[in-house]
């Protein structure tokens, strides 16, 4: 095939060719990962196609038209938990998050940059030609099921993170980059219309709900997930996954639970250390103000007021304000 013919290859031909995507070694951040339960379930193309149809209101049926192009081993934030694929002219990136992260659009932008670079290289497209090249339409969906209360649907934009310089006007006042992440809350009971259209997503939501319910009753994480698996099998929930991969599912959830617990404790420790540092800084600033006040009162020959201020807090505050050492 000539180079010109390669340039004209359509997205449909790419789907037929099943050309693998090979990420650039230079942008690897971590080389090992633990698969997450959400990704494990939706690695099945039939389930993934059903999920795509549910969120887009489409009715695609050809499973073979869906090309998985997830960048393996390329991890910008945390463990591997993404699914990326091509379908028709859509380039869809899906994330699952159990911890709320406002920086998801930034991660999406970095990830899409790699996907598009691979697409351009695979299709042998000419970036410097006189004809505008056609690119797949980007879609970024994040499925959130953390314990922090969030709305059923929310859109996060990369542009909200940009700190705008002063006095910008005209065309250059708008940011040159944007990445929109649609956040869907998939906790059990949320987004019910979406759940009705995609049983695997509803099943996943119920499974996680049962586990958390068991943990809240005092069961250990191991026991909680085992009981949830038994209940799901009885209620025909995720049967194909749980029956054949029970041990893997239990192990994946326990890994995720440990990760979430570690992250929670890490943030709690950071908050505690920050509060302690703030308290210490406040005490040091307060002591400095008292020392300055004492010097000022002695210089002004107001020894009596200085002595009384040690036992009279109201007078001390009054004097601190007088010498502009305490804000109102």
Protein backbone atom coordinates (compact mmCIF):
# COMPACT_ATOMS: atom_id res chain seq x y z
CA UNK A 1 0.00 0.00 0.00
CA UNK A 2 1.38 3.40 -0.96
CA UNK A 3 1.84 6.19 1.56
CA UNK A 4 -0.97 8.22 -0.05
CA UNK A 5 -3.39 5.31 0.27
CA UNK A 6 -2.45 4.93 3.91
CA UNK A 7 -3.26 8.56 4.49
CA UNK A 8 -6.73 8.07 3.05
CA UNK A 9 -7.48 5.00 5.14
CA UNK A 10 -10.80 5.52 6.93
CA UNK A 11 -11.60 4.86 10.56
CA UNK A 12 -13.66 1.86 9.44
CA UNK A 13 -10.64 0.32 7.75
CA UNK A 14 -8.67 0.86 10.92
CA UNK A 15 -11.34 -1.05 12.83
CA UNK A 16 -11.00 -3.92 10.41
CA UNK A 17 -7.21 -3.93 10.56
CA UNK A 18 -7.14 -4.12 14.40
CA UNK A 19 -3.73 -2.42 14.39
CA UNK A 20 -2.36 -2.44 17.94
CA UNK A 21 -1.52 0.86 19.62
CA UNK A 22 2.04 1.05 20.91
CA UNK A 23 2.68 3.85 23.41
CA UNK A 24 5.96 5.69 23.39
CA UNK A 25 8.40 4.33 26.00
CA UNK A 26 9.48 7.85 26.92
CA UNK A 27 6.21 8.74 28.64
CA UNK A 28 5.90 5.68 30.88
CA UNK A 29 5.31 6.77 34.44
CA UNK A 30 4.82 3.41 36.13
CA UNK A 31 5.36 -0.03 34.63
CA UNK A 32 3.25 -2.16 36.96
CA UNK A 33 -0.38 -1.94 37.90
CA UNK A 34 -3.23 -3.75 39.59
CA UNK A 35 -6.35 -4.15 37.52
CA UNK A 36 -9.46 -2.71 39.11
CA UNK A 37 -12.78 -4.48 39.35
CA UNK A 38 -14.60 -1.99 37.11
CA UNK A 39 -12.08 -2.44 34.32
CA UNK A 40 -12.09 -6.22 34.83
CA UNK A 41 -15.86 -6.36 34.31
CA UNK A 42 -15.98 -4.09 31.28
CA UNK A 43 -13.06 -5.68 29.46
CA UNK A 44 -15.85 -7.77 27.93
CA UNK A 45 -16.62 -5.95 24.67
CA UNK A 46 -20.30 -6.84 24.84
CA UNK A 47 -20.66 -5.16 28.22
CA UNK A 48 -18.53 -2.22 27.10
CA UNK A 49 -20.66 -1.71 23.99
CA UNK A 50 -23.80 -1.83 26.14
CA UNK A 51 -22.31 0.78 28.47
CA UNK A 52 -21.38 3.04 25.56
CA UNK A 53 -24.89 2.79 24.09
CA UNK A 54 -26.40 3.57 27.50
CA UNK A 55 -24.46 6.78 28.07
CA UNK A 56 -24.80 8.01 24.46
CA UNK A 57 -28.31 6.91 23.61
CA UNK A 58 -26.97 4.94 20.62
CA UNK A 59 -27.76 1.42 19.42
CA UNK A 60 -24.51 -0.05 18.11
CA UNK A 61 -24.60 -3.85 17.82
CA UNK A 62 -21.35 -4.79 16.08
CA UNK A 63 -18.97 -5.78 18.86
CA UNK A 64 -16.15 -6.24 16.36
CA UNK A 65 -16.37 -2.55 15.46
CA UNK A 66 -15.14 -1.64 18.94
CA UNK A 67 -11.34 -1.37 19.16
CA UNK A 68 -9.76 -1.32 22.60
CA UNK A 69 -6.78 1.07 22.51
CA UNK A 70 -6.03 1.51 26.22
CA UNK A 71 -2.46 2.64 26.76
CA UNK A 72 -1.11 -0.25 28.77
CA UNK A 73 1.34 0.62 31.57
CA UNK A 74 0.90 4.36 31.01
CA UNK A 75 -0.34 5.61 34.34
CA UNK A 76 -0.46 9.28 35.24
CA UNK A 77 -2.46 9.07 38.46
CA UNK A 78 -2.73 5.98 40.66
CA UNK A 79 -3.44 2.45 39.54
CA UNK A 80 -4.61 1.47 36.10
CA UNK A 81 -8.36 2.08 35.99
CA UNK A 82 -9.08 3.36 32.51
CA UNK A 83 -10.66 1.93 29.38
CA UNK A 84 -10.09 3.59 26.03
CA UNK A 85 -11.57 2.49 22.72
CA UNK A 86 -12.51 3.53 19.20
CA UNK A 87 -16.04 3.06 17.91
CA UNK A 88 -17.09 4.45 14.55
CA UNK A 89 -15.66 8.02 14.70
CA UNK A 90 -15.67 8.25 18.50
CA UNK A 91 -12.55 8.04 20.66
CA UNK A 92 -13.90 7.29 24.12
CA UNK A 93 -11.94 7.35 27.37
CA UNK A 94 -13.67 5.94 30.44
CA UNK A 95 -12.39 6.19 34.00
CA UNK A 96 -13.58 4.70 37.25
CA UNK A 97 -12.85 6.69 40.41
CA UNK A 98 -13.71 5.93 44.03
CA UNK A 99 -11.80 8.98 45.29
CA UNK A 100 -12.94 12.42 44.17
CA UNK A 101 -10.24 14.15 42.14
CA UNK A 102 -10.79 17.59 40.58
CA UNK A 103 -7.67 17.12 38.42
CA UNK A 104 -9.21 14.42 36.24
CA UNK A 105 -9.50 16.77 33.19
CA UNK A 106 -5.73 17.31 33.29
CA UNK A 107 -5.12 13.58 33.32
CA UNK A 108 -7.56 13.22 30.45
CA UNK A 109 -5.74 15.84 28.40
CA UNK A 110 -2.41 14.04 28.86
CA UNK A 111 -3.96 10.71 27.99
CA UNK A 112 -5.78 11.98 24.90
CA UNK A 113 -2.54 13.52 23.64
CA UNK A 114 -0.96 10.05 23.64
CA UNK A 115 -4.01 8.44 22.02
CA UNK A 116 -4.10 10.96 19.20
CA UNK A 117 -0.37 10.71 18.64
CA UNK A 118 -0.68 6.94 18.29
CA UNK A 119 -3.65 7.33 15.98
CA UNK A 120 -1.75 9.75 13.73
CA UNK A 121 1.29 7.46 13.61
CA UNK A 122 -0.79 4.34 12.96
CA UNK A 123 -2.76 6.01 10.17
CA UNK A 124 0.43 7.59 8.78
CA UNK A 125 -1.22 11.01 8.67
CA UNK A 126 0.67 14.10 7.56
CA UNK A 127 0.50 16.86 10.16
CA UNK A 128 2.20 19.32 7.81
CA UNK A 129 0.07 18.79 4.72
CA UNK A 130 -2.26 21.33 3.13
CA UNK A 131 -5.36 19.23 3.85
CA UNK A 132 -6.96 19.16 7.30
CA UNK A 133 -6.83 15.66 8.70
CA UNK A 134 -9.91 14.08 10.26
CA UNK A 135 -9.69 12.87 13.86
CA UNK A 136 -12.02 10.72 15.98
CA UNK A 137 -14.38 12.66 18.22
CA UNK A 138 -13.12 12.63 21.86
CA UNK A 139 -15.41 11.62 24.73
CA UNK A 140 -14.33 11.47 28.38
CA UNK A 141 -16.58 9.83 30.96
CA UNK A 142 -15.71 9.22 34.62
CA UNK A 143 -17.75 6.78 36.69
CA UNK A 144 -17.62 7.83 40.35
CA UNK A 145 -18.69 5.63 43.25
CA UNK A 146 -16.88 7.11 46.23
CA UNK A 147 -18.45 7.70 49.63
CA UNK A 148 -18.26 11.50 49.41
CA UNK A 149 -21.68 12.83 48.39
CA UNK A 150 -21.66 14.11 44.82
CA UNK A 151 -24.36 15.01 42.27
CA UNK A 152 -25.58 12.42 39.78
CA UNK A 153 -23.93 14.27 36.93
CA UNK A 154 -21.22 16.90 36.83
CA UNK A 155 -18.85 18.32 34.22
CA UNK A 156 -15.27 19.21 35.12
CA UNK A 157 -13.25 21.37 32.71
CA UNK A 158 -9.52 21.73 32.34
CA UNK A 159 -9.99 25.46 31.65
CA UNK A 160 -11.21 25.96 35.22
CA UNK A 161 -7.68 25.14 36.41
CA UNK A 162 -5.96 27.81 34.33
CA UNK A 163 -4.81 30.90 36.22
CA UNK A 164 -5.54 33.74 33.84
CA UNK A 165 -3.00 36.57 33.52
CA UNK A 166 -4.25 40.07 34.14
CA UNK A 167 -5.37 42.43 31.39
CA UNK A 168 -5.95 39.82 28.67
CA UNK A 169 -8.46 40.69 25.97
CA UNK A 170 -9.56 39.59 22.54
CA UNK A 171 -9.06 36.13 21.07
CA UNK A 172 -6.10 35.30 23.29
CA UNK A 173 -8.20 35.83 26.41
CA UNK A 174 -9.72 32.36 25.92
CA UNK A 175 -7.56 29.32 26.81
CA UNK A 176 -6.00 27.41 23.93
CA UNK A 177 -6.68 24.04 25.57
CA UNK A 178 -9.79 22.35 26.93
CA UNK A 179 -10.73 18.90 28.17
CA UNK A 180 -14.21 18.16 29.50
CA UNK A 181 -14.83 15.23 31.81
CA UNK A 182 -18.42 14.12 32.36
CA UNK A 183 -18.65 12.67 35.88
CA UNK A 184 -21.45 10.16 36.45
CA UNK A 185 -22.27 9.05 39.99
CA UNK A 186 -22.84 5.28 39.85
CA UNK A 187 -23.47 4.66 43.53
CA UNK A 188 -26.49 2.40 44.00
CA UNK A 189 -29.67 4.45 43.68
CA UNK A 190 -28.07 7.15 41.52
CA UNK A 191 -28.59 7.66 37.78
CA UNK A 192 -31.33 5.04 37.69
CA UNK A 193 -32.29 5.69 34.06
CA UNK A 194 -28.72 4.99 33.02
CA UNK A 195 -28.62 1.85 35.16
CA UNK A 196 -31.80 0.55 33.54
CA UNK A 197 -30.10 0.73 30.16
CA UNK A 198 -26.96 -1.13 31.26
CA UNK A 199 -27.42 -4.14 33.56
CA UNK A 200 -23.66 -4.77 34.04
CA UNK A 201 -23.30 -1.23 35.42
CA UNK A 202 -26.30 -1.71 37.72
CA UNK A 203 -24.91 -5.05 38.86
CA UNK A 204 -21.54 -3.52 39.65
CA UNK A 205 -23.22 -0.72 41.59
CA UNK A 206 -25.28 -3.19 43.65
CA UNK A 207 -22.27 -5.42 44.31
CA UNK A 208 -20.27 -2.52 45.76
CA UNK A 209 -23.32 -1.41 47.75
CA UNK A 210 -23.69 -4.88 49.29
CA UNK A 211 -20.02 -4.95 50.26
CA UNK A 212 -20.19 -1.55 51.95
CA UNK A 213 -23.40 -2.54 53.69
CA UNK A 214 -21.67 -5.64 55.10
CA UNK A 215 -18.67 -3.60 56.25
CA UNK A 216 -21.00 -1.14 58.01
CA UNK A 217 -22.45 -4.11 59.92
CA UNK A 218 -19.03 -4.85 61.35
CA UNK A 219 -17.79 -7.56 59.00
CA UNK A 220 -14.15 -7.59 57.95
CA UNK A 221 -13.50 -6.54 54.34
CA UNK A 222 -12.75 -10.18 53.45
CA UNK A 223 -15.98 -11.44 54.97
CA UNK A 224 -17.96 -8.51 53.57
CA UNK A 225 -16.95 -9.23 49.99
CA UNK A 226 -17.46 -12.99 50.37
CA UNK A 227 -21.01 -12.43 51.66
CA UNK A 228 -21.68 -9.96 48.84
CA UNK A 229 -20.51 -12.49 46.25
CA UNK A 230 -22.85 -15.15 47.67
CA UNK A 231 -25.78 -12.74 47.67
CA UNK A 232 -25.10 -11.61 44.11
CA UNK A 233 -24.94 -15.18 42.87
CA UNK A 234 -28.31 -15.84 44.52
CA UNK A 235 -29.82 -12.70 42.92
CA UNK A 236 -28.35 -13.29 39.44
CA UNK A 237 -25.96 -10.31 39.69
CA UNK A 238 -22.63 -10.46 37.84
CA UNK A 239 -23.00 -14.22 37.69
CA UNK A 240 -20.73 -14.71 34.67
CA UNK A 241 -17.91 -12.79 36.41
CA UNK A 242 -18.34 -13.95 40.00
CA UNK A 243 -18.88 -17.63 39.22
CA UNK A 244 -15.77 -18.01 37.10
CA UNK A 245 -13.49 -15.41 38.71
CA UNK A 246 -14.56 -15.35 42.36
CA UNK A 247 -11.03 -15.39 43.80
CA UNK A 248 -9.79 -12.70 41.44
CA UNK A 249 -12.77 -10.46 42.20
CA UNK A 250 -12.29 -10.82 45.96
CA UNK A 251 -8.57 -10.08 45.62
CA UNK A 252 -9.18 -7.04 43.40
CA UNK A 253 -11.70 -5.53 45.79
CA UNK A 254 -9.45 -6.07 48.82
CA UNK A 255 -6.56 -4.41 46.94
CA UNK A 256 -8.80 -1.45 46.11
CA UNK A 257 -10.09 -1.27 49.68
CA UNK A 258 -6.54 -1.21 51.05
CA UNK A 259 -5.60 1.51 48.57
CA UNK A 260 -8.61 3.64 49.54
CA UNK A 261 -7.90 3.15 53.25
CA UNK A 262 -4.25 4.10 52.75
CA UNK A 263 -5.22 7.21 50.78
CA UNK A 264 -7.78 8.23 53.41
CA UNK A 265 -5.29 7.84 56.24
CA UNK A 266 -2.64 9.70 54.27
CA UNK A 267 -4.96 12.67 53.77
CA UNK A 268 -5.99 12.56 57.43
CA UNK A 269 -2.33 12.62 58.50
CA UNK A 270 -1.59 15.50 56.14
CA UNK A 271 -4.56 17.43 57.52
CA UNK A 272 -3.48 16.70 61.08
CA UNK A 273 0.09 17.79 60.39
CA UNK A 274 -1.14 20.94 58.64
CA UNK A 275 -3.41 21.79 61.57
CA UNK A 276 -0.56 21.23 64.03
CA UNK A 277 1.77 23.37 61.93
CA UNK A 278 -0.88 26.08 61.78
CA UNK A 279 -1.41 25.95 65.54
CA UNK A 280 2.33 26.14 66.15
CA UNK A 281 2.72 29.04 63.70
CA UNK A 282 -0.19 30.81 65.36
CA UNK A 283 1.36 30.41 68.80
CA UNK A 284 4.71 31.70 67.53
CA UNK A 285 3.02 34.70 65.87
CA UNK A 286 1.04 35.40 69.05
CA UNK A 287 4.13 35.24 71.22
CA UNK A 288 5.96 37.57 68.85
CA UNK A 289 3.08 40.06 69.04
CA UNK A 290 3.11 39.94 72.88
CA UNK A 291 6.88 40.51 72.92
CA UNK A 292 6.53 43.45 70.55
CA UNK A 293 3.72 44.88 72.69
CA UNK A 294 5.85 44.66 75.82
CA UNK A 295 8.70 46.51 74.11
CA UNK A 296 6.35 49.25 72.88
CA UNK A 297 4.75 49.74 76.32
CA UNK A 298 8.13 49.94 78.03
CA UNK A 299 9.35 52.45 75.47
CA UNK A 300 6.23 54.55 76.12
CA UNK A 301 6.70 54.23 79.91
CA UNK A 302 3.40 52.37 80.36
CA UNK A 303 4.71 49.74 82.77
CA UNK A 304 1.51 49.62 84.82
CA UNK A 305 -0.61 48.74 81.79
CA UNK A 306 1.97 46.16 80.74
CA UNK A 307 1.77 44.42 84.15
CA UNK A 308 -2.05 44.47 84.13
CA UNK A 309 -2.19 43.10 80.58
CA UNK A 310 -0.61 39.86 81.77
CA UNK A 311 -3.76 39.01 83.78
CA UNK A 312 -6.39 41.07 81.92
CA UNK A 313 -6.99 39.54 78.46
CA UNK A 314 -9.44 42.27 77.43
CA UNK A 315 -6.85 44.96 78.17
CA UNK A 316 -4.19 42.95 76.36
CA UNK A 317 -6.33 42.78 73.20
CA UNK A 318 -7.08 46.48 73.46
CA UNK A 319 -3.38 47.31 73.65
CA UNK A 320 -2.52 44.93 70.79
CA UNK A 321 -5.08 46.68 68.57
CA UNK A 322 -3.78 50.10 69.67
CA UNK A 323 -0.32 49.19 68.45
CA UNK A 324 -1.70 47.49 65.32
CA UNK A 325 -0.47 44.10 66.44
CA UNK A 326 -3.92 42.46 66.29
CA UNK A 327 -6.40 42.69 63.46
CA UNK A 328 -10.01 43.53 64.26
